[in-house]
Amino acid sequence: MAPIMKVERTQESDTAVETDRIVRAVLTDVLGLAPAQVEIFTEETPLFGALPELDSMAVAGLLTELEDRLDIIIEDDDIDGDTFETLGSLTMFAQSKLNEKAR
């Protein structure tokens, strides 16, 4: 029998999980996607260009909602074409803004 490995949860991993949850909730709420659809997204799930609901107007709404829910400030020059490429890139962007805020 293989030994049971205990996985320690850290504040950093808890924060990453919470950021992922919030990003998924924002996608659901702002884009009007079904929660079940967003739940099965992986980090590699493409967003911009793959989801018809995610157009340039929706990007503004997503950014505003992320600012509100995460209590962060997103400057225009913070955003580039890679930010909305995948769920993982959007989540990493949101987490990086939270990390900046914590400093």
N, C-alpha and C. Protein backbone atom coordinates (compact mmCIF):
# COMPACT_ATOMS: atom_id res chain seq x y z
N MET A 1 0.84 -1.17 0.00
CA MET A 1 0.00 0.00 0.00
C MET A 1 0.89 1.24 0.00
N ALA A 2 0.56 2.19 -0.86
CA ALA A 2 1.33 3.42 -0.95
C ALA A 2 1.07 4.29 0.28
N PRO A 3 2.10 4.97 0.74
CA PRO A 3 1.89 5.85 1.90
C PRO A 3 0.96 7.00 1.53
N ILE A 4 0.19 7.42 2.49
CA ILE A 4 -0.72 8.55 2.30
C ILE A 4 0.08 9.83 2.47
N MET A 5 -0.01 10.67 1.46
CA MET A 5 0.72 11.94 1.51
C MET A 5 -0.22 13.04 1.97
N LYS A 6 0.22 13.78 2.92
CA LYS A 6 -0.57 14.90 3.41
C LYS A 6 -0.20 16.13 2.60
N VAL A 7 -1.21 16.78 2.07
CA VAL A 7 -0.99 18.00 1.29
C VAL A 7 -1.28 19.18 2.20
N GLU A 8 -0.26 19.99 2.39
CA GLU A 8 -0.45 21.17 3.22
C GLU A 8 -1.02 22.30 2.38
N ARG A 9 -2.02 22.93 2.92
CA ARG A 9 -2.59 24.09 2.24
C ARG A 9 -1.92 25.33 2.80
N THR A 10 -1.55 26.19 1.90
CA THR A 10 -0.92 27.43 2.32
C THR A 10 -1.85 28.58 2.03
N GLN A 11 -1.56 29.71 2.61
CA GLN A 11 -2.36 30.89 2.35
C GLN A 11 -2.29 31.23 0.86
N GLU A 12 -1.11 31.02 0.26
CA GLU A 12 -0.94 31.32 -1.16
C GLU A 12 -1.83 30.42 -2.03
N SER A 13 -1.89 29.12 -1.70
CA SER A 13 -2.74 28.22 -2.48
C SER A 13 -4.21 28.53 -2.26
N ASP A 14 -4.57 28.90 -1.03
CA ASP A 14 -5.96 29.29 -0.76
C ASP A 14 -6.33 30.53 -1.55
N THR A 15 -5.42 31.48 -1.65
CA THR A 15 -5.67 32.70 -2.42
C THR A 15 -5.83 32.39 -3.89
N ALA A 16 -5.00 31.50 -4.43
CA ALA A 16 -5.10 31.13 -5.84
C ALA A 16 -6.44 30.44 -6.13
N VAL A 17 -6.87 29.59 -5.23
CA VAL A 17 -8.16 28.91 -5.40
C VAL A 17 -9.30 29.93 -5.37
N GLU A 18 -9.22 30.87 -4.46
CA GLU A 18 -10.26 31.91 -4.35
C GLU A 18 -10.25 32.81 -5.59
N THR A 19 -9.08 33.15 -6.09
CA THR A 19 -9.00 33.97 -7.30
C THR A 19 -9.63 33.23 -8.48
N ASP A 20 -9.34 31.95 -8.61
CA ASP A 20 -9.94 31.14 -9.68
C ASP A 20 -11.46 31.14 -9.55
N ARG A 21 -11.96 30.97 -8.33
CA ARG A 21 -13.41 30.96 -8.10
C ARG A 21 -14.03 32.29 -8.51
N ILE A 22 -13.38 33.38 -8.16
CA ILE A 22 -13.92 34.71 -8.48
C ILE A 22 -13.89 34.95 -9.99
N VAL A 23 -12.79 34.59 -10.65
CA VAL A 23 -12.70 34.78 -12.10
C VAL A 23 -13.81 33.98 -12.79
N ARG A 24 -14.03 32.76 -12.36
CA ARG A 24 -15.10 31.95 -12.95
C ARG A 24 -16.48 32.58 -12.71
N ALA A 25 -16.69 33.11 -11.51
CA ALA A 25 -17.98 33.76 -11.20
C ALA A 25 -18.18 35.00 -12.07
N VAL A 26 -17.12 35.76 -12.28
CA VAL A 26 -17.22 36.94 -13.14
C VAL A 26 -17.55 36.54 -14.57
N LEU A 27 -16.90 35.51 -15.08
CA LEU A 27 -17.21 35.03 -16.44
C LEU A 27 -18.67 34.61 -16.53
N THR A 28 -19.15 33.92 -15.52
CA THR A 28 -20.55 33.47 -15.49
C THR A 28 -21.50 34.66 -15.47
N ASP A 29 -21.25 35.58 -14.57
CA ASP A 29 -22.17 36.71 -14.36
C ASP A 29 -22.14 37.72 -15.50
N VAL A 30 -20.96 38.11 -15.93
CA VAL A 30 -20.84 39.16 -16.94
C VAL A 30 -21.19 38.65 -18.34
N LEU A 31 -20.75 37.44 -18.66
CA LEU A 31 -21.00 36.91 -20.01
C LEU A 31 -22.31 36.14 -20.11
N GLY A 32 -22.93 35.86 -18.96
CA GLY A 32 -24.18 35.12 -18.98
C GLY A 32 -23.99 33.65 -19.34
N LEU A 33 -22.80 33.12 -19.02
CA LEU A 33 -22.52 31.71 -19.30
C LEU A 33 -23.14 30.84 -18.21
N ALA A 34 -23.46 29.63 -18.56
CA ALA A 34 -24.01 28.69 -17.58
C ALA A 34 -22.90 28.30 -16.60
N PRO A 35 -23.22 28.28 -15.30
CA PRO A 35 -22.20 27.88 -14.32
C PRO A 35 -21.58 26.52 -14.62
N ALA A 36 -22.38 25.57 -15.11
CA ALA A 36 -21.85 24.24 -15.44
C ALA A 36 -20.83 24.31 -16.56
N GLN A 37 -21.04 25.23 -17.50
CA GLN A 37 -20.09 25.40 -18.61
C GLN A 37 -18.77 25.93 -18.09
N VAL A 38 -18.82 26.95 -17.26
CA VAL A 38 -17.60 27.57 -16.73
C VAL A 38 -16.89 26.63 -15.76
N GLU A 39 -17.64 25.81 -15.06
CA GLU A 39 -17.06 24.88 -14.10
C GLU A 39 -16.11 23.89 -14.76
N ILE A 40 -16.39 23.50 -15.99
CA ILE A 40 -15.53 22.51 -16.66
C ILE A 40 -14.37 23.14 -17.43
N PHE A 41 -14.28 24.47 -17.44
CA PHE A 41 -13.14 25.14 -18.06
C PHE A 41 -11.86 24.70 -17.36
N THR A 42 -10.80 24.51 -18.15
CA THR A 42 -9.48 24.25 -17.60
C THR A 42 -8.64 25.50 -17.78
N GLU A 43 -7.43 25.48 -17.28
CA GLU A 43 -6.53 26.62 -17.45
C GLU A 43 -6.28 26.91 -18.93
N GLU A 44 -6.33 25.87 -19.76
CA GLU A 44 -6.04 26.01 -21.19
C GLU A 44 -7.27 26.38 -22.02
N THR A 45 -8.44 26.48 -21.41
CA THR A 45 -9.65 26.81 -22.16
C THR A 45 -9.50 28.19 -22.78
N PRO A 46 -9.60 28.29 -24.11
CA PRO A 46 -9.49 29.60 -24.76
C PRO A 46 -10.70 30.47 -24.46
N LEU A 47 -10.46 31.76 -24.34
CA LEU A 47 -11.55 32.69 -24.04
C LEU A 47 -11.80 33.62 -25.23
N PHE A 48 -10.99 34.68 -25.35
CA PHE A 48 -11.22 35.67 -26.39
C PHE A 48 -11.03 35.04 -27.76
N GLY A 49 -12.03 35.16 -28.60
CA GLY A 49 -12.01 34.56 -29.92
C GLY A 49 -12.67 33.20 -29.96
N ALA A 50 -12.83 32.58 -28.79
CA ALA A 50 -13.46 31.26 -28.72
C ALA A 50 -14.87 31.34 -28.14
N LEU A 51 -15.10 32.33 -27.29
CA LEU A 51 -16.43 32.52 -26.71
C LEU A 51 -17.10 33.69 -27.41
N PRO A 52 -18.20 33.45 -28.12
CA PRO A 52 -18.86 34.56 -28.82
C PRO A 52 -19.34 35.65 -27.87
N GLU A 53 -19.60 35.29 -26.62
CA GLU A 53 -20.07 36.27 -25.64
C GLU A 53 -18.97 37.24 -25.23
N LEU A 54 -17.72 36.86 -25.45
CA LEU A 54 -16.59 37.69 -25.02
C LEU A 54 -16.10 38.54 -26.19
N ASP A 55 -16.74 39.70 -26.33
CA ASP A 55 -16.33 40.66 -27.35
C ASP A 55 -15.67 41.85 -26.66
N SER A 56 -15.32 42.87 -27.43
CA SER A 56 -14.60 44.00 -26.85
C SER A 56 -15.41 44.73 -25.78
N MET A 57 -16.72 44.79 -25.94
CA MET A 57 -17.55 45.42 -24.91
C MET A 57 -17.57 44.59 -23.63
N ALA A 58 -17.62 43.29 -23.78
CA ALA A 58 -17.63 42.41 -22.61
C ALA A 58 -16.31 42.47 -21.85
N VAL A 59 -15.21 42.70 -22.57
CA VAL A 59 -13.91 42.81 -21.92
C VAL A 59 -13.95 43.95 -20.90
N ALA A 60 -14.50 45.08 -21.27
CA ALA A 60 -14.60 46.22 -20.35
C ALA A 60 -15.41 45.85 -19.12
N GLY A 61 -16.51 45.15 -19.33
CA GLY A 61 -17.34 44.72 -18.20
C GLY A 61 -16.62 43.74 -17.30
N LEU A 62 -15.88 42.81 -17.89
CA LEU A 62 -15.12 41.86 -17.09
C LEU A 62 -14.05 42.55 -16.25
N LEU A 63 -13.36 43.50 -16.85
CA LEU A 63 -12.31 44.21 -16.11
C LEU A 63 -12.90 45.00 -14.95
N THR A 64 -13.99 45.67 -15.20
CA THR A 64 -14.65 46.45 -14.14
C THR A 64 -15.11 45.54 -13.00
N GLU A 65 -15.69 44.41 -13.36
CA GLU A 65 -16.18 43.48 -12.34
C GLU A 65 -15.03 42.86 -11.56
N LEU A 66 -13.92 42.54 -12.23
CA LEU A 66 -12.74 42.03 -11.53
C LEU A 66 -12.21 43.07 -10.55
N GLU A 67 -12.16 44.33 -10.98
CA GLU A 67 -11.72 45.40 -10.08
C GLU A 67 -12.60 45.46 -8.84
N ASP A 68 -13.91 45.39 -9.04
CA ASP A 68 -14.84 45.49 -7.92
C ASP A 68 -14.73 44.30 -6.97
N ARG A 69 -14.72 43.11 -7.51
CA ARG A 69 -14.74 41.91 -6.66
C ARG A 69 -13.41 41.62 -5.99
N LEU A 70 -12.32 41.99 -6.64
CA LEU A 70 -11.00 41.73 -6.08
C LEU A 70 -10.40 42.95 -5.39
N ASP A 71 -11.08 44.09 -5.49
CA ASP A 71 -10.61 45.34 -4.91
C ASP A 71 -9.20 45.67 -5.43
N ILE A 72 -9.08 45.65 -6.76
CA ILE A 72 -7.83 45.96 -7.43
C ILE A 72 -8.07 47.10 -8.41
N ILE A 73 -7.00 47.66 -8.92
CA ILE A 73 -7.07 48.67 -9.96
C ILE A 73 -6.34 48.14 -11.18
N ILE A 74 -7.02 48.18 -12.32
CA ILE A 74 -6.44 47.71 -13.57
C ILE A 74 -6.27 48.91 -14.49
N GLU A 75 -5.02 49.19 -14.81
CA GLU A 75 -4.71 50.30 -15.71
C GLU A 75 -4.79 49.81 -17.15
N ASP A 76 -5.04 50.73 -18.08
CA ASP A 76 -5.13 50.36 -19.50
C ASP A 76 -3.88 49.64 -19.99
N ASP A 77 -2.70 50.10 -19.53
CA ASP A 77 -1.47 49.49 -20.02
C ASP A 77 -1.15 48.15 -19.33
N ASP A 78 -1.99 47.73 -18.38
CA ASP A 78 -1.85 46.41 -17.77
C ASP A 78 -2.35 45.30 -18.69
N ILE A 79 -3.22 45.66 -19.61
CA ILE A 79 -3.90 44.69 -20.46
C ILE A 79 -3.17 44.55 -21.79
N ASP A 80 -2.98 43.29 -22.20
CA ASP A 80 -2.47 43.04 -23.54
C ASP A 80 -3.24 41.87 -24.14
N GLY A 81 -2.90 41.48 -25.33
CA GLY A 81 -3.64 40.44 -26.03
C GLY A 81 -3.63 39.10 -25.33
N ASP A 82 -2.64 38.85 -24.51
CA ASP A 82 -2.54 37.57 -23.83
C ASP A 82 -3.44 37.45 -22.60
N THR A 83 -3.87 38.57 -22.05
CA THR A 83 -4.64 38.56 -20.81
C THR A 83 -5.90 37.69 -20.91
N PHE A 84 -6.62 37.81 -22.02
CA PHE A 84 -7.87 37.07 -22.19
C PHE A 84 -7.73 35.85 -23.10
N GLU A 85 -6.50 35.38 -23.31
CA GLU A 85 -6.28 34.24 -24.19
C GLU A 85 -6.91 32.96 -23.64
N THR A 86 -6.66 32.68 -22.36
CA THR A 86 -7.20 31.47 -21.73
C THR A 86 -7.70 31.79 -20.33
N LEU A 87 -8.43 30.84 -19.75
CA LEU A 87 -8.85 31.01 -18.36
C LEU A 87 -7.62 31.14 -17.47
N GLY A 88 -6.60 30.35 -17.73
CA GLY A 88 -5.38 30.40 -16.93
C GLY A 88 -4.69 31.75 -17.00
N SER A 89 -4.62 32.33 -18.20
CA SER A 89 -3.95 33.64 -18.33
C SER A 89 -4.74 34.73 -17.63
N LEU A 90 -6.06 34.66 -17.69
CA LEU A 90 -6.89 35.66 -17.01
C LEU A 90 -6.77 35.51 -15.50
N THR A 91 -6.76 34.29 -15.02
CA THR A 91 -6.62 34.05 -13.58
C THR A 91 -5.25 34.48 -13.08
N MET A 92 -4.20 34.17 -13.85
CA MET A 92 -2.85 34.59 -13.47
C MET A 92 -2.74 36.12 -13.45
N PHE A 93 -3.38 36.78 -14.41
CA PHE A 93 -3.38 38.24 -14.42
C PHE A 93 -4.04 38.77 -13.15
N ALA A 94 -5.22 38.23 -12.82
CA ALA A 94 -5.93 38.69 -11.62
C ALA A 94 -5.09 38.44 -10.37
N GLN A 95 -4.46 37.28 -10.29
CA GLN A 95 -3.62 36.97 -9.14
C GLN A 95 -2.42 37.91 -9.06
N SER A 96 -1.84 38.26 -10.21
CA SER A 96 -0.70 39.18 -10.20
C SER A 96 -1.11 40.56 -9.69
N LYS A 97 -2.32 41.00 -10.03
CA LYS A 97 -2.80 42.29 -9.53
C LYS A 97 -3.03 42.23 -8.02
N LEU A 98 -3.52 41.09 -7.53
CA LEU A 98 -3.68 40.93 -6.07
C LEU A 98 -2.32 40.93 -5.38
N ASN A 99 -1.33 40.28 -6.00
CA ASN A 99 0.01 40.26 -5.42
C ASN A 99 0.61 41.66 -5.36
N GLU A 100 0.39 42.45 -6.43
CA GLU A 100 0.87 43.85 -6.44
C GLU A 100 0.24 44.63 -5.30
N LYS A 101 -1.04 44.43 -5.11
CA LYS A 101 -1.78 45.14 -4.06
C LYS A 101 -1.26 44.79 -2.67
N ALA A 102 -0.86 43.53 -2.49
CA ALA A 102 -0.40 43.06 -1.18
C ALA A 102 0.97 43.61 -0.81
N ARG A 103 1.72 44.08 -1.79
CA ARG A 103 3.08 44.58 -1.50
C ARG A 103 3.08 45.90 -0.82
